Amino acid sequence: MRDEVSTQFPFDYILDERISRKLVVALKNGEAGTVRDILCEIRYPAIDNQLDDNRISDLKDTIKVLCAILLFISIEIGMSRAMAVQLRDKYLEQAKHIRTYQQGRIVINSIFLRFSNEIGGLIPESVDSRIVNEAIKYIEEHIDENIKSNTIAKEIGTSEPNICRTFKNETGITISTYINRRKIAYAAELLSGSNMKLGEMSKKLGYKNQQYFSKVFRKIKGMTPAEYRMWVFDYPTSFSDLAVQTQEMYS
């Protein structure tokens, strides 16, 4: 089967099973950039006339199902139920105003982007393993360095295979994923709280260059650092604002 969906989305919604798995894995890994790339492949009907009541109802039902799935995944990963429910309710409210396919696409893409973005910001809570807790402490204290798993292992007195295996078993994510999440979370704070230039920021966080920093940032946050900076300071409060903010990302 080809990696595509039916053009009759969402009424004859046929998503390639392999793509479905990729989407769920990307969500669970908090890789908003990968989620965004997958969503860009989904084709919608070219027409954008106002839909009849039955099709609007079908579109809204699709969004309800997506919200339920994302709610379950996000809570399973570690998002607080209050946060997950708040996000779900926000988009269910926005779905009430949908009248066209394009508006439905905007809401659906925004749902995935926001949920995966929030999941990507989650960090493991304190665990029982001494190795993992010491590794997390080391990462926090050296967040502005080019951190390597073999360096961490040496510093805390264990082997690299052991720390990688233990970290994954205890937290559900790899140690390299955790390092990048923490660095990008720090970068997000800098983007929203300062006017620091991206080149300076990438250097401060220990990345080899600005291009690689931007690539990692987009993979986790689903947008470039420049897009994120605009996103933070212009958080959409209405459906029209949401449309303006998302249409270029998924064009």
Foldseek 3Di string as FASTA:
>chain_A
DDQEFDQDPPPRTDGDPVLVVVLLVLLLLLFLQSNLVSLLRYHYDPDWDFDDPVVLVVLLVVLLVVLVVLLVSLVVLPDDNVVSVVLSVLLNVQSVPDGTPLLSSLSVSVSSLVSSLVSLLDDFDDWDDPLQVQLVVVLVVPQQAPDDLQVSCVVVPHHSVVSQVVNCVTNVDGPVSNSLSVLLNVVLCCLQPHPDDQQVSCNRRHHPGSVVNQVSNCRNNVHGSVLSSVCNVQPDDHSVSSSVSCVVSSD
